Amino acid sequence: MTRFAMTSAAVLLALAAFSSQPASARTPYDGAWSVVIITDRGTCDRAYRYSIQITDGIVRYTGEMGLDFRGRVARNGAVAVSVASGGSRADGRGRLSQAYGGGTWAGNGSAGQCSGRWTAERR
């Protein structure tokens, strides 16, 4: 996985639970979110911003990078996400409130091991 894909995967993992809450949202976190992923350790790209959609607590990446993305947000706001592409993988964990969130991520890929933090904001 390239540094870009690994960082992208990390961002998606960490912020997979963010989006605007529609009137009929099934969880308090459903809707569109903007997620920023920051690399603190390793040689992955420094930072990226991604759009994430949460529906019924399931986190979905709305971009076009072709990532295997899986994530969930629990009723208490706990977020767990996994992203894979080629031979690379990243996992993220954290917590969301109704408007903001944050957590950490770590992964392995062609750039080696990388880790960092993520923040999210409802759109």
PDB file of N, CA and C in Angstrom:
ATOM      1  N   MET A   1       0.857  -1.172   0.000  1.00  0.00           N
ATOM      2  CA  MET A   1       0.000   0.000   0.000  1.00  0.00           C
ATOM      3  C   MET A   1       0.897   1.228   0.000  1.00  0.00           C
ATOM      4  N   THR A   2       0.571   2.199  -0.788  1.00  0.00           N
ATOM      5  CA  THR A   2       1.361   3.415  -0.835  1.00  0.00           C
ATOM      6  C   THR A   2       1.147   4.222   0.435  1.00  0.00           C
ATOM      7  N   ARG A   3       2.044   5.192   0.655  1.00  0.00           N
ATOM      8  CA  ARG A   3       1.878   6.040   1.841  1.00  0.00           C
ATOM      9  C   ARG A   3       0.540   6.750   1.786  1.00  0.00           C
ATOM     10  N   PHE A   4       0.150   7.191   0.591  1.00  0.00           N
ATOM     11  CA  PHE A   4      -1.130   7.886   0.438  1.00  0.00           C
ATOM     12  C   PHE A   4      -2.286   6.963   0.809  1.00  0.00           C
ATOM     13  N   ALA A   5      -2.270   5.740   0.272  1.00  0.00           N
ATOM     14  CA  ALA A   5      -3.356   4.807   0.546  1.00  0.00           C
ATOM     15  C   ALA A   5      -3.395   4.431   2.020  1.00  0.00           C
ATOM     16  N   MET A   6      -2.219   4.246   2.639  1.00  0.00           N
ATOM     17  CA  MET A   6      -2.189   3.877   4.051  1.00  0.00           C
ATOM     18  C   MET A   6      -2.728   5.009   4.907  1.00  0.00           C
ATOM     19  N   THR A   7      -2.321   6.235   4.600  1.00  0.00           N
ATOM     20  CA  THR A   7      -2.819   7.383   5.350  1.00  0.00           C
ATOM     21  C   THR A   7      -4.312   7.538   5.104  1.00  0.00           C
ATOM     22  N   SER A   8      -4.736   7.332   3.868  1.00  0.00           N
ATOM     23  CA  SER A   8      -6.149   7.417   3.540  1.00  0.00           C
ATOM     24  C   SER A   8      -6.933   6.378   4.326  1.00  0.00           C
ATOM     25  N   ALA A   9      -6.399   5.185   4.378  1.00  0.00           N
ATOM     26  CA  ALA A   9      -7.053   4.113   5.107  1.00  0.00           C
ATOM     27  C   ALA A   9      -7.180   4.482   6.571  1.00  0.00           C
ATOM     28  N   ALA A  10      -6.140   5.050   7.109  1.00  0.00           N
ATOM     29  CA  ALA A  10      -6.154   5.450   8.508  1.00  0.00           C
ATOM     30  C   ALA A  10      -7.207   6.511   8.753  1.00  0.00           C
ATOM     31  N   VAL A  11      -7.304   7.433   7.856  1.00  0.00           N
ATOM     32  CA  VAL A  11      -8.288   8.507   8.001  1.00  0.00           C
ATOM     33  C   VAL A  11      -9.681   7.930   7.961  1.00  0.00           C
ATOM     34  N   LEU A  12      -9.887   7.071   7.032  1.00  0.00           N
ATOM     35  CA  LEU A  12     -11.204   6.480   6.904  1.00  0.00           C
ATOM     36  C   LEU A  12     -11.556   5.669   8.126  1.00  0.00           C
ATOM     37  N   LEU A  13     -10.581   4.959   8.640  1.00  0.00           N
ATOM     38  CA  LEU A  13     -10.803   4.150   9.829  1.00  0.00           C
ATOM     39  C   LEU A  13     -11.186   5.017  11.002  1.00  0.00           C
ATOM     40  N   ALA A  14     -10.442   6.046  11.187  1.00  0.00           N
ATOM     41  CA  ALA A  14     -10.626   6.885  12.342  1.00  0.00           C
ATOM     42  C   ALA A  14     -11.873   7.715  12.290  1.00  0.00           C
ATOM     43  N   LEU A  15     -12.264   8.116  11.089  1.00  0.00           N
ATOM     44  CA  LEU A  15     -13.367   9.051  11.009  1.00  0.00           C
ATOM     45  C   LEU A  15     -14.556   8.510  10.257  1.00  0.00           C
ATOM     46  N   ALA A  16     -14.671   7.273  10.224  1.00  0.00           N
ATOM     47  CA  ALA A  16     -15.721   6.618   9.481  1.00  0.00           C
ATOM     48  C   ALA A  16     -17.091   6.863  10.053  1.00  0.00           C
ATOM     49  N   ALA A  17     -17.168   7.490  11.172  1.00  0.00           N
ATOM     50  CA  ALA A  17     -18.461   7.630  11.811  1.00  0.00           C
ATOM     51  C   ALA A  17     -18.999   9.040  11.782  1.00  0.00           C
ATOM     52  N   PHE A  18     -18.796   9.785  10.695  1.00  0.00           N
ATOM     53  CA  PHE A  18     -19.191  11.178  10.746  1.00  0.00           C
ATOM     54  C   PHE A  18     -20.013  11.620   9.551  1.00  0.00           C
ATOM     55  N   SER A  19     -21.177  12.234   9.805  1.00  0.00           N
ATOM     56  CA  SER A  19     -21.988  12.793   8.732  1.00  0.00           C
ATOM     57  C   SER A  19     -23.150  13.608   9.277  1.00  0.00           C
ATOM     58  N   SER A  20     -23.801  14.401   8.397  1.00  0.00           N
ATOM     59  CA  SER A  20     -24.933  15.235   8.822  1.00  0.00           C
ATOM     60  C   SER A  20     -26.095  14.352   9.206  1.00  0.00           C
ATOM     61  N   GLN A  21     -26.746  14.698  10.265  1.00  0.00           N
ATOM     62  CA  GLN A  21     -27.831  13.865  10.773  1.00  0.00           C
ATOM     63  C   GLN A  21     -29.147  14.189  10.080  1.00  0.00           C
ATOM     64  N   PRO A  22     -29.682  13.238   9.313  1.00  0.00           N
ATOM     65  CA  PRO A  22     -30.979  13.478   8.685  1.00  0.00           C
ATOM     66  C   PRO A  22     -32.094  13.447   9.733  1.00  0.00           C
ATOM     67  N   ALA A  23     -33.258  13.941   9.358  1.00  0.00           N
ATOM     68  CA  ALA A  23     -34.371  14.004  10.299  1.00  0.00           C
ATOM     69  C   ALA A  23     -34.750  12.623  10.822  1.00  0.00           C
ATOM     70  N   SER A  24     -34.532  11.577  10.033  1.00  0.00           N
ATOM     71  CA  SER A  24     -34.922  10.235  10.453  1.00  0.00           C
ATOM     72  C   SER A  24     -33.715   9.379  10.842  1.00  0.00           C
ATOM     73  N   ALA A  25     -32.671   9.966  11.357  1.00  0.00           N
ATOM     74  CA  ALA A  25     -31.467   9.226  11.728  1.00  0.00           C
ATOM     75  C   ALA A  25     -31.796   8.156  12.756  1.00  0.00           C
ATOM     76  N   ARG A  26     -31.185   6.975  12.585  1.00  0.00           N
ATOM     77  CA  ARG A  26     -31.419   5.884  13.511  1.00  0.00           C
ATOM     78  C   ARG A  26     -30.445   5.901  14.668  1.00  0.00           C
ATOM     79  N   THR A  27     -29.301   6.558  14.506  1.00  0.00           N
ATOM     80  CA  THR A  27     -28.380   6.740  15.622  1.00  0.00           C
ATOM     81  C   THR A  27     -28.068   8.233  15.707  1.00  0.00           C
ATOM     82  N   PRO A  28     -27.617   8.705  16.852  1.00  0.00           N
ATOM     83  CA  PRO A  28     -27.303  10.133  16.991  1.00  0.00           C
ATOM     84  C   PRO A  28     -26.116  10.562  16.136  1.00  0.00           C
ATOM     85  N   TYR A  29     -25.400   9.602  15.535  1.00  0.00           N
ATOM     86  CA  TYR A  29     -24.184   9.904  14.781  1.00  0.00           C
ATOM     87  C   TYR A  29     -24.395   9.808  13.281  1.00  0.00           C
ATOM     88  N   ASP A  30     -25.571   9.364  12.844  1.00  0.00           N
ATOM     89  CA  ASP A  30     -25.849   9.226  11.421  1.00  0.00           C
ATOM     90  C   ASP A  30     -25.725  10.574  10.727  1.00  0.00           C
ATOM     91  N   GLY A  31     -25.165  10.556   9.530  1.00  0.00           N
ATOM     92  CA  GLY A  31     -25.034  11.757   8.728  1.00  0.00           C
ATOM     93  C   GLY A  31     -23.650  11.876   8.115  1.00  0.00           C
ATOM     94  N   ALA A  32     -23.347  13.053   7.611  1.00  0.00           N
ATOM     95  CA  ALA A  32     -22.076  13.322   6.937  1.00  0.00           C
ATOM     96  C   ALA A  32     -21.078  13.946   7.910  1.00  0.00           C
ATOM     97  N   TRP A  33     -19.834  13.474   7.834  1.00  0.00           N
ATOM     98  CA  TRP A  33     -18.770  13.969   8.695  1.00  0.00           C
ATOM     99  C   TRP A  33     -17.532  14.267   7.868  1.00  0.00           C
ATOM    100  N   SER A  34     -16.739  15.204   8.337  1.00  0.00           N
ATOM    101  CA  SER A  34     -15.433  15.490   7.749  1.00  0.00           C
ATOM    102  C   SER A  34     -14.391  15.003   8.744  1.00  0.00           C
ATOM    103  N   VAL A  35     -13.450  14.196   8.263  1.00  0.00           N
ATOM    104  CA  VAL A  35     -12.444  13.600   9.137  1.00  0.00           C
ATOM    105  C   VAL A  35     -11.040  14.020   8.692  1.00  0.00           C
ATOM    106  N   VAL A  36     -10.228  14.404   9.646  1.00  0.00           N
ATOM    107  CA  VAL A  36      -8.826  14.732   9.372  1.00  0.00           C
ATOM    108  C   VAL A  36      -7.967  13.680  10.047  1.00  0.00           C
ATOM    109  N   ILE A  37      -7.082  13.068   9.253  1.00  0.00           N
ATOM    110  CA  ILE A  37      -6.177  12.044   9.772  1.00  0.00           C
ATOM    111  C   ILE A  37      -4.767  12.603   9.764  1.00  0.00           C
ATOM    112  N   ILE A  38      -4.100  12.495  10.891  1.00  0.00           N
ATOM    113  CA  ILE A  38      -2.757  13.041  11.046  1.00  0.00           C
ATOM    114  C   ILE A  38      -1.801  11.919  11.427  1.00  0.00           C
ATOM    115  N   THR A  39      -0.665  11.852  10.713  1.00  0.00           N
ATOM    116  CA  THR A  39       0.370  10.871  11.024  1.00  0.00           C
ATOM    117  C   THR A  39       1.324  11.485  12.037  1.00  0.00           C
ATOM    118  N   ASP A  40       1.499  10.815  13.167  1.00  0.00           N
ATOM    119  CA  ASP A  40       2.436  11.273  14.196  1.00  0.00           C
ATOM    120  C   ASP A  40       3.729  10.462  14.191  1.00  0.00           C
ATOM    121  N   ARG A  41       3.651   9.194  13.755  1.00  0.00           N
ATOM    122  CA  ARG A  41       4.824   8.318  13.720  1.00  0.00           C
ATOM    123  C   ARG A  41       4.855   7.553  12.408  1.00  0.00           C
ATOM    124  N   GLY A  42       6.031   7.427  11.821  1.00  0.00           N
ATOM    125  CA  GLY A  42       6.188   6.688  10.578  1.00  0.00           C
ATOM    126  C   GLY A  42       6.309   7.619   9.390  1.00  0.00           C
ATOM    127  N   THR A  43       6.440   7.018   8.198  1.00  0.00           N
ATOM    128  CA  THR A  43       6.683   7.792   6.987  1.00  0.00           C
ATOM    129  C   THR A  43       5.458   7.922   6.095  1.00  0.00           C
ATOM    130  N   CYS A  44       4.272   7.694   6.631  1.00  0.00           N
ATOM    131  CA  CYS A  44       3.042   7.891   5.862  1.00  0.00           C
ATOM    132  C   CYS A  44       2.838   9.390   5.627  1.00  0.00           C
ATOM    133  N   ASP A  45       2.018   9.720   4.639  1.00  0.00           N
ATOM    134  CA  ASP A  45       1.737  11.129   4.382  1.00  0.00           C
ATOM    135  C   ASP A  45       1.248  11.800   5.657  1.00  0.00           C
ATOM    136  N   ARG A  46       1.575  13.073   5.822  1.00  0.00           N
ATOM    137  CA  ARG A  46       1.339  13.802   7.072  1.00  0.00           C
ATOM    138  C   ARG A  46      -0.131  13.938   7.465  1.00  0.00           C
ATOM    139  N   ALA A  47      -0.990  14.337   6.513  1.00  0.00           N
ATOM    140  CA  ALA A  47      -2.396  14.554   6.886  1.00  0.00           C
ATOM    141  C   ALA A  47      -3.303  14.518   5.663  1.00  0.00           C
ATOM    142  N   TYR A  48      -4.537  14.119   5.900  1.00  0.00           N
ATOM    143  CA  TYR A  48      -5.569  14.110   4.866  1.00  0.00           C
ATOM    144  C   TYR A  48      -6.914  14.436   5.494  1.00  0.00           C
ATOM    145  N   ARG A  49      -7.800  14.963   4.643  1.00  0.00           N
ATOM    146  CA  ARG A  49      -9.180  15.223   5.064  1.00  0.00           C
ATOM    147  C   ARG A  49     -10.079  14.379   4.170  1.00  0.00           C
ATOM    148  N   TYR A  50     -11.064  13.704   4.784  1.00  0.00           N
ATOM    149  CA  TYR A  50     -11.973  12.821   4.049  1.00  0.00           C
ATOM    150  C   TYR A  50     -13.419  13.063   4.456  1.00  0.00           C
ATOM    151  N   SER A  51     -14.300  12.708   3.550  1.00  0.00           N
ATOM    152  CA  SER A  51     -15.736  12.739   3.821  1.00  0.00           C
ATOM    153  C   SER A  51     -16.183  11.332   4.159  1.00  0.00           C
ATOM    154  N   ILE A  52     -16.942  11.232   5.239  1.00  0.00           N
ATOM    155  CA  ILE A  52     -17.436   9.949   5.713  1.00  0.00           C
ATOM    156  C   ILE A  52     -18.950  10.059   5.892  1.00  0.00           C
ATOM    157  N   GLN A  53     -19.641   8.971   5.667  1.00  0.00           N
ATOM    158  CA  GLN A  53     -21.083   8.921   5.874  1.00  0.00           C
ATOM    159  C   GLN A  53     -21.389   7.819   6.882  1.00  0.00           C
ATOM    160  N   ILE A  54     -22.224   8.120   7.847  1.00  0.00           N
ATOM    161  CA  ILE A  54     -22.659   7.117   8.828  1.00  0.00           C
ATOM    162  C   ILE A  54     -24.161   6.910   8.644  1.00  0.00           C
ATOM    163  N   THR A  55     -24.540   5.644   8.492  1.00  0.00           N
ATOM    164  CA  THR A  55     -25.941   5.288   8.319  1.00  0.00           C
ATOM    165  C   THR A  55     -26.247   4.104   9.227  1.00  0.00           C
ATOM    166  N   ASP A  56     -27.192   4.277  10.122  1.00  0.00           N
ATOM    167  CA  ASP A  56     -27.544   3.221  11.079  1.00  0.00           C
ATOM    168  C   ASP A  56     -26.319   2.737  11.848  1.00  0.00           C
ATOM    169  N   GLY A  57     -25.389   3.638  12.113  1.00  0.00           N
ATOM    170  CA  GLY A  57     -24.192   3.295  12.869  1.00  0.00           C
ATOM    171  C   GLY A  57     -23.091   2.648  12.051  1.00  0.00           C
ATOM    172  N   ILE A  58     -23.313   2.449  10.762  1.00  0.00           N
ATOM    173  CA  ILE A  58     -22.295   1.852   9.888  1.00  0.00           C
ATOM    174  C   ILE A  58     -21.550   2.973   9.190  1.00  0.00           C
ATOM    175  N   VAL A  59     -20.230   2.917   9.263  1.00  0.00           N
ATOM    176  CA  VAL A  59     -19.376   3.959   8.691  1.00  0.00           C
ATOM    177  C   VAL A  59     -19.030   3.591   7.257  1.00  0.00           C
ATOM    178  N   ARG A  60     -19.205   4.556   6.356  1.00  0.00           N
ATOM    179  CA  ARG A  60     -18.895   4.339   4.947  1.00  0.00           C
ATOM    180  C   ARG A  60     -18.033   5.480   4.432  1.00  0.00           C
ATOM    181  N   TYR A  61     -17.053   5.096   3.652  1.00  0.00           N
ATOM    182  CA  TYR A  61     -16.207   6.076   2.970  1.00  0.00           C
ATOM    183  C   TYR A  61     -16.920   6.473   1.690  1.00  0.00           C
ATOM    184  N   THR A  62     -17.027   7.766   1.422  1.00  0.00           N
ATOM    185  CA  THR A  62     -17.768   8.233   0.259  1.00  0.00           C
ATOM    186  C   THR A  62     -16.864   8.636  -0.897  1.00  0.00           C
ATOM    187  N   GLY A  63     -15.577   8.340  -0.798  1.00  0.00           N
ATOM    188  CA  GLY A  63     -14.632   8.677  -1.860  1.00  0.00           C
ATOM    189  C   GLY A  63     -14.511   7.594  -2.912  1.00  0.00           C
ATOM    190  N   GLU A  64     -13.499   7.749  -3.766  1.00  0.00           N
ATOM    191  CA  GLU A  64     -13.330   6.853  -4.907  1.00  0.00           C
ATOM    192  C   GLU A  64     -11.987   6.129  -4.900  1.00  0.00           C
ATOM    193  N   MET A  65     -11.412   5.865  -3.752  1.00  0.00           N
ATOM    194  CA  MET A  65     -10.086   5.258  -3.706  1.00  0.00           C
ATOM    195  C   MET A  65     -10.093   3.738  -3.792  1.00  0.00           C
ATOM    196  N   GLY A  66     -11.229   3.088  -3.790  1.00  0.00           N
ATOM    197  CA  GLY A  66     -11.294   1.647  -3.894  1.00  0.00           C
ATOM    198  C   GLY A  66     -10.735   0.915  -2.684  1.00  0.00           C
ATOM    199  N   LEU A  67     -11.062   1.390  -1.504  1.00  0.00           N
ATOM    200  CA  LEU A  67     -10.583   0.782  -0.267  1.00  0.00           C
ATOM    201  C   LEU A  67     -11.599  -0.216   0.275  1.00  0.00           C
ATOM    202  N   ASP A  68     -11.100  -1.266   0.930  1.00  0.00           N
ATOM    203  CA  ASP A  68     -11.972  -2.187   1.661  1.00  0.00           C
ATOM    204  C   ASP A  68     -12.151  -1.560   3.034  1.00  0.00           C
ATOM    205  N   PHE A  69     -13.295  -0.969   3.242  1.00  0.00           N
ATOM    206  CA  PHE A  69     -13.539  -0.155   4.431  1.00  0.00           C
ATOM    207  C   PHE A  69     -14.661  -0.745   5.259  1.00  0.00           C
ATOM    208  N   ARG A  70     -14.414  -0.975   6.541  1.00  0.00           N
ATOM    209  CA  ARG A  70     -15.429  -1.513   7.453  1.00  0.00           C
ATOM    210  C   ARG A  70     -15.385  -0.741   8.757  1.00  0.00           C
ATOM    211  N   GLY A  71     -16.545  -0.280   9.218  1.00  0.00           N
ATOM    212  CA  GLY A  71     -16.554   0.463  10.465  1.00  0.00           C
ATOM    213  C   GLY A  71     -17.930   0.551  11.087  1.00  0.00           C
ATOM    214  N   ARG A  72     -17.938   0.788  12.399  1.00  0.00           N
ATOM    215  CA  ARG A  72     -19.188   0.911  13.149  1.00  0.00           C
ATOM    216  C   ARG A  72     -19.036   1.951  14.245  1.00  0.00           C
ATOM    217  N   VAL A  73     -20.162   2.555  14.576  1.00  0.00           N
ATOM    218  CA  VAL A  73     -20.236   3.473  15.713  1.00  0.00           C
ATOM    219  C   VAL A  73     -21.267   2.886  16.673  1.00  0.00           C
ATOM    220  N   ALA A  74     -20.865   2.667  17.915  1.00  0.00           N
ATOM    221  CA  ALA A  74     -21.769   2.133  18.936  1.00  0.00           C
ATOM    222  C   ALA A  74     -22.700   3.235  19.437  1.00  0.00           C
ATOM    223  N   ARG A  75     -23.744   2.867  20.110  1.00  0.00           N
ATOM    224  CA  ARG A  75     -24.704   3.843  20.648  1.00  0.00           C
ATOM    225  C   ARG A  75     -24.042   4.859  21.574  1.00  0.00           C
ATOM    226  N   ASN A  76     -22.958   4.450  22.253  1.00  0.00           N
ATOM    227  CA  ASN A  76     -22.256   5.370  23.156  1.00  0.00           C
ATOM    228  C   ASN A  76     -21.215   6.225  22.438  1.00  0.00           C
ATOM    229  N   GLY A  77     -21.113   6.100  21.100  1.00  0.00           N
ATOM    230  CA  GLY A  77     -20.189   6.913  20.318  1.00  0.00           C
ATOM    231  C   GLY A  77     -18.843   6.276  20.061  1.00  0.00           C
ATOM    232  N   ALA A  78     -18.597   5.089  20.600  1.00  0.00           N
ATOM    233  CA  ALA A  78     -17.321   4.400  20.358  1.00  0.00           C
ATOM    234  C   ALA A  78     -17.234   4.020  18.878  1.00  0.00           C
ATOM    235  N   VAL A  79     -16.096   4.334  18.256  1.00  0.00           N
ATOM    236  CA  VAL A  79     -15.881   4.087  16.831  1.00  0.00           C
ATOM    237  C   VAL A  79     -14.779   3.048  16.663  1.00  0.00           C
ATOM    238  N   ALA A  80     -14.993   2.100  15.757  1.00  0.00           N
ATOM    239  CA  ALA A  80     -13.965   1.123  15.381  1.00  0.00           C
ATOM    240  C   ALA A  80     -14.021   0.975  13.870  1.00  0.00           C
ATOM    241  N   VAL A  81     -12.879   1.156  13.203  1.00  0.00           N
ATOM    242  CA  VAL A  81     -12.820   1.111  11.744  1.00  0.00           C
ATOM    243  C   VAL A  81     -11.584   0.339  11.295  1.00  0.00           C
ATOM    244  N   SER A  82     -11.720  -0.378  10.176  1.00  0.00           N
ATOM    245  CA  SER A  82     -10.599  -1.068   9.534  1.00  0.00           C
ATOM    246  C   SER A  82     -10.611  -0.715   8.060  1.00  0.00           C
ATOM    247  N   VAL A  83      -9.428  -0.433   7.523  1.00  0.00           N
ATOM    248  CA  VAL A  83      -9.298  -0.109   6.110  1.00  0.00           C
ATOM    249  C   VAL A  83      -8.146  -0.924   5.541  1.00  0.00           C
ATOM    250  N   ALA A  84      -8.367  -1.499   4.345  1.00  0.00           N
ATOM    251  CA  ALA A  84      -7.329  -2.283   3.692  1.00  0.00           C
ATOM    252  C   ALA A  84      -7.280  -1.948   2.207  1.00  0.00           C
ATOM    253  N   SER A  85      -6.074  -2.045   1.656  1.00  0.00           N
ATOM    254  CA  SER A  85      -5.873  -1.843   0.228  1.00  0.00           C
ATOM    255  C   SER A  85      -4.594  -2.570  -0.143  1.00  0.00           C
ATOM    256  N   GLY A  86      -4.690  -3.507  -1.072  1.00  0.00           N
ATOM    257  CA  GLY A  86      -3.515  -4.292  -1.424  1.00  0.00           C
ATOM    258  C   GLY A  86      -3.028  -5.037  -0.201  1.00  0.00           C
ATOM    259  N   GLY A  87      -1.751  -4.910   0.111  1.00  0.00           N
ATOM    260  CA  GLY A  87      -1.196  -5.573   1.285  1.00  0.00           C
ATOM    261  C   GLY A  87      -1.146  -4.694   2.517  1.00  0.00           C
ATOM    262  N   SER A  88      -1.787  -3.555   2.475  1.00  0.00           N
ATOM    263  CA  SER A  88      -1.743  -2.619   3.599  1.00  0.00           C
ATOM    264  C   SER A  88      -3.047  -2.628   4.381  1.00  0.00           C
ATOM    265  N   ARG A  89      -2.934  -2.298   5.663  1.00  0.00           N
ATOM    266  CA  ARG A  89      -4.116  -2.270   6.531  1.00  0.00           C
ATOM    267  C   ARG A  89      -3.903  -1.244   7.638  1.00  0.00           C
ATOM    268  N   ALA A  90      -4.992  -0.589   8.026  1.00  0.00           N
ATOM    269  CA  ALA A  90      -4.963   0.349   9.150  1.00  0.00           C
ATOM    270  C   ALA A  90      -6.230   0.164   9.977  1.00  0.00           C
ATOM    271  N   ASP A  91      -6.101   0.346  11.281  1.00  0.00           N
ATOM    272  CA  ASP A  91      -7.225   0.241  12.199  1.00  0.00           C
ATOM    273  C   ASP A  91      -7.316   1.516  13.019  1.00  0.00           C
ATOM    274  N   GLY A  92      -8.531   1.980  13.245  1.00  0.00           N
ATOM    275  CA  GLY A  92      -8.734   3.185  14.023  1.00  0.00           C
ATOM    276  C   GLY A  92      -9.782   2.986  15.102  1.00  0.00           C
ATOM    277  N   ARG A  93      -9.609   3.691  16.185  1.00  0.00           N
ATOM    278  CA  ARG A  93     -10.553   3.653  17.307  1.00  0.00           C
ATOM    279  C   ARG A  93     -10.691   5.067  17.853  1.00  0.00           C
ATOM    280  N   GLY A  94     -11.839   5.306  18.473  1.00  0.00           N
ATOM    281  CA  GLY A  94     -12.052   6.608  19.074  1.00  0.00           C
ATOM    282  C   GLY A  94     -13.477   6.755  19.552  1.00  0.00           C
ATOM    283  N   ARG A  95     -13.909   8.010  19.681  1.00  0.00           N
ATOM    284  CA  ARG A  95     -15.249   8.282  20.193  1.00  0.00           C
ATOM    285  C   ARG A  95     -15.798   9.532  19.514  1.00  0.00           C
ATOM    286  N   LEU A  96     -17.099   9.493  19.267  1.00  0.00           N
ATOM    287  CA  LEU A  96     -17.809  10.631  18.684  1.00  0.00           C
ATOM    288  C   LEU A  96     -18.787  11.201  19.692  1.00  0.00           C
ATOM    289  N   SER A  97     -18.955  12.515  19.636  1.00  0.00           N
ATOM    290  CA  SER A  97     -20.070  13.163  20.318  1.00  0.00           C
ATOM    291  C   SER A  97     -21.065  13.470  19.195  1.00  0.00           C
ATOM    292  N   GLN A  98     -22.072  14.270  19.455  1.00  0.00           N
ATOM    293  CA  GLN A  98     -23.038  14.555  18.396  1.00  0.00           C
ATOM    294  C   GLN A  98     -22.483  15.495  17.340  1.00  0.00           C
ATOM    295  N   ALA A  99     -21.393  16.215  17.632  1.00  0.00           N
ATOM    296  CA  ALA A  99     -20.858  17.164  16.657  1.00  0.00           C
ATOM    297  C   ALA A  99     -19.375  16.974  16.345  1.00  0.00           C
ATOM    298  N   TYR A 100     -18.620  16.353  17.247  1.00  0.00           N
ATOM    299  CA  TYR A 100     -17.178  16.211  17.069  1.00  0.00           C
ATOM    300  C   TYR A 100     -16.729  14.825  17.511  1.00  0.00           C
ATOM    301  N   GLY A 101     -15.487  14.507  17.184  1.00  0.00           N
ATOM    302  CA  GLY A 101     -14.935  13.240  17.633  1.00  0.00           C
ATOM    303  C   GLY A 101     -13.440  13.198  17.432  1.00  0.00           C
ATOM    304  N   GLY A 102     -12.838  12.129  17.910  1.00  0.00           N
ATOM    305  CA  GLY A 102     -11.403  11.957  17.745  1.00  0.00           C
ATOM    306  C   GLY A 102     -10.960  10.606  18.246  1.00  0.00           C
ATOM    307  N   GLY A 103      -9.726  10.266  17.904  1.00  0.00           N
ATOM    308  CA  GLY A 103      -9.182   8.994  18.331  1.00  0.00           C
ATOM    309  C   GLY A 103      -7.805   8.770  17.755  1.00  0.00           C
ATOM    310  N   THR A 104      -7.408   7.508  17.674  1.00  0.00           N
ATOM    311  CA  THR A 104      -6.083   7.141  17.194  1.00  0.00           C
ATOM    312  C   THR A 104      -6.201   6.096  16.089  1.00  0.00           C
ATOM    313  N   TRP A 105      -5.115   5.920  15.335  1.00  0.00           N
ATOM    314  CA  TRP A 105      -5.064   4.907  14.292  1.00  0.00           C
ATOM    315  C   TRP A 105      -3.648   4.353  14.220  1.00  0.00           C
ATOM    316  N   ALA A 106      -3.525   3.147  13.662  1.00  0.00           N
ATOM    317  CA  ALA A 106      -2.221   2.521  13.437  1.00  0.00           C
ATOM    318  C   ALA A 106      -2.355   1.561  12.272  1.00  0.00           C
ATOM    319  N   GLY A 107      -1.265   1.418  11.510  1.00  0.00           N
ATOM    320  CA  GLY A 107      -1.325   0.523  10.362  1.00  0.00           C
ATOM    321  C   GLY A 107       0.035   0.115   9.855  1.00  0.00           C
ATOM    322  N   ASN A 108       0.020  -0.819   8.905  1.00  0.00           N
ATOM    323  CA  ASN A 108       1.225  -1.323   8.252  1.00  0.00           C
ATOM    324  C   ASN A 108       1.008  -1.320   6.756  1.00  0.00           C
ATOM    325  N   GLY A 109       2.057  -0.982   6.013  1.00  0.00           N
ATOM    326  CA  GLY A 109       1.972  -0.978   4.558  1.00  0.00           C
ATOM    327  C   GLY A 109       3.347  -0.873   3.954  1.00  0.00           C
ATOM    328  N   SER A 110       3.414  -0.484   2.683  1.00  0.00           N
ATOM    329  CA  SER A 110       4.692  -0.388   1.980  1.00  0.00           C
ATOM    330  C   SER A 110       5.616   0.653   2.600  1.00  0.00           C
ATOM    331  N   ALA A 111       5.050   1.630   3.310  1.00  0.00           N
ATOM    332  CA  ALA A 111       5.856   2.664   3.967  1.00  0.00           C
ATOM    333  C   ALA A 111       6.300   2.214   5.356  1.00  0.00           C
ATOM    334  N   GLY A 112       5.947   0.989   5.752  1.00  0.00           N
ATOM    335  CA  GLY A 112       6.278   0.494   7.084  1.00  0.00           C
ATOM    336  C   GLY A 112       5.131   0.749   8.041  1.00  0.00           C
ATOM    337  N   GLN A 113       5.456   0.816   9.329  1.00  0.00           N
ATOM    338  CA  GLN A 113       4.437   1.065  10.337  1.00  0.00           C
ATOM    339  C   GLN A 113       4.230   2.561  10.517  1.00  0.00           C
ATOM    340  N   CYS A 114       2.968   2.944  10.621  1.00  0.00           N
ATOM    341  CA  CYS A 114       2.608   4.342  10.855  1.00  0.00           C
ATOM    342  C   CYS A 114       1.498   4.388  11.896  1.00  0.00           C
ATOM    343  N   SER A 115       1.387   5.516  12.573  1.00  0.00           N
ATOM    344  CA  SER A 115       0.302   5.699  13.533  1.00  0.00           C
ATOM    345  C   SER A 115       0.063   7.187  13.723  1.00  0.00           C
ATOM    346  N   GLY A 116      -1.068   7.494  14.313  1.00  0.00           N
ATOM    347  CA  GLY A 116      -1.382   8.890  14.546  1.00  0.00           C
ATOM    348  C   GLY A 116      -2.738   9.065  15.203  1.00  0.00           C
ATOM    349  N   ARG A 117      -3.350  10.209  14.893  1.00  0.00           N
ATOM    350  CA  ARG A 117      -4.622  10.575  15.518  1.00  0.00           C
ATOM    351  C   ARG A 117      -5.568  11.080  14.450  1.00  0.00           C
ATOM    352  N   TRP A 118      -6.836  11.135  14.800  1.00  0.00           N
ATOM    353  CA  TRP A 118      -7.836  11.667  13.880  1.00  0.00           C
ATOM    354  C   TRP A 118      -8.820  12.539  14.644  1.00  0.00           C
ATOM    355  N   THR A 119      -9.382  13.485  13.927  1.00  0.00           N
ATOM    356  CA  THR A 119     -10.465  14.319  14.466  1.00  0.00           C
ATOM    357  C   THR A 119     -11.597  14.323  13.458  1.00  0.00           C
ATOM    358  N   ALA A 120     -12.800  14.510  13.940  1.00  0.00           N
ATOM    359  CA  ALA A 120     -13.959  14.533  13.059  1.00  0.00           C
ATOM    360  C   ALA A 120     -14.911  15.659  13.453  1.00  0.00           C
ATOM    361  N   GLU A 121     -15.616  16.128  12.463  1.00  0.00           N
ATOM    362  CA  GLU A 121     -16.588  17.202  12.670  1.00  0.00           C
ATOM    363  C   GLU A 121     -17.806  16.931  11.799  1.00  0.00           C
ATOM    364  N   ARG A 122     -18.971  17.045  12.393  1.00  0.00           N
ATOM    365  CA  ARG A 122     -20.214  16.825  11.637  1.00  0.00           C
ATOM    366  C   ARG A 122     -20.397  17.923  10.604  1.00  0.00           C
ATOM    367  N   ARG A 123     -20.883  17.547   9.451  1.00  0.00           N
ATOM    368  CA  ARG A 123     -21.153  18.506   8.359  1.00  0.00           C
ATOM    369  C   ARG A 123     -22.630  18.706   8.176  1.00  0.00           C
TER     370      ARG A 123
END
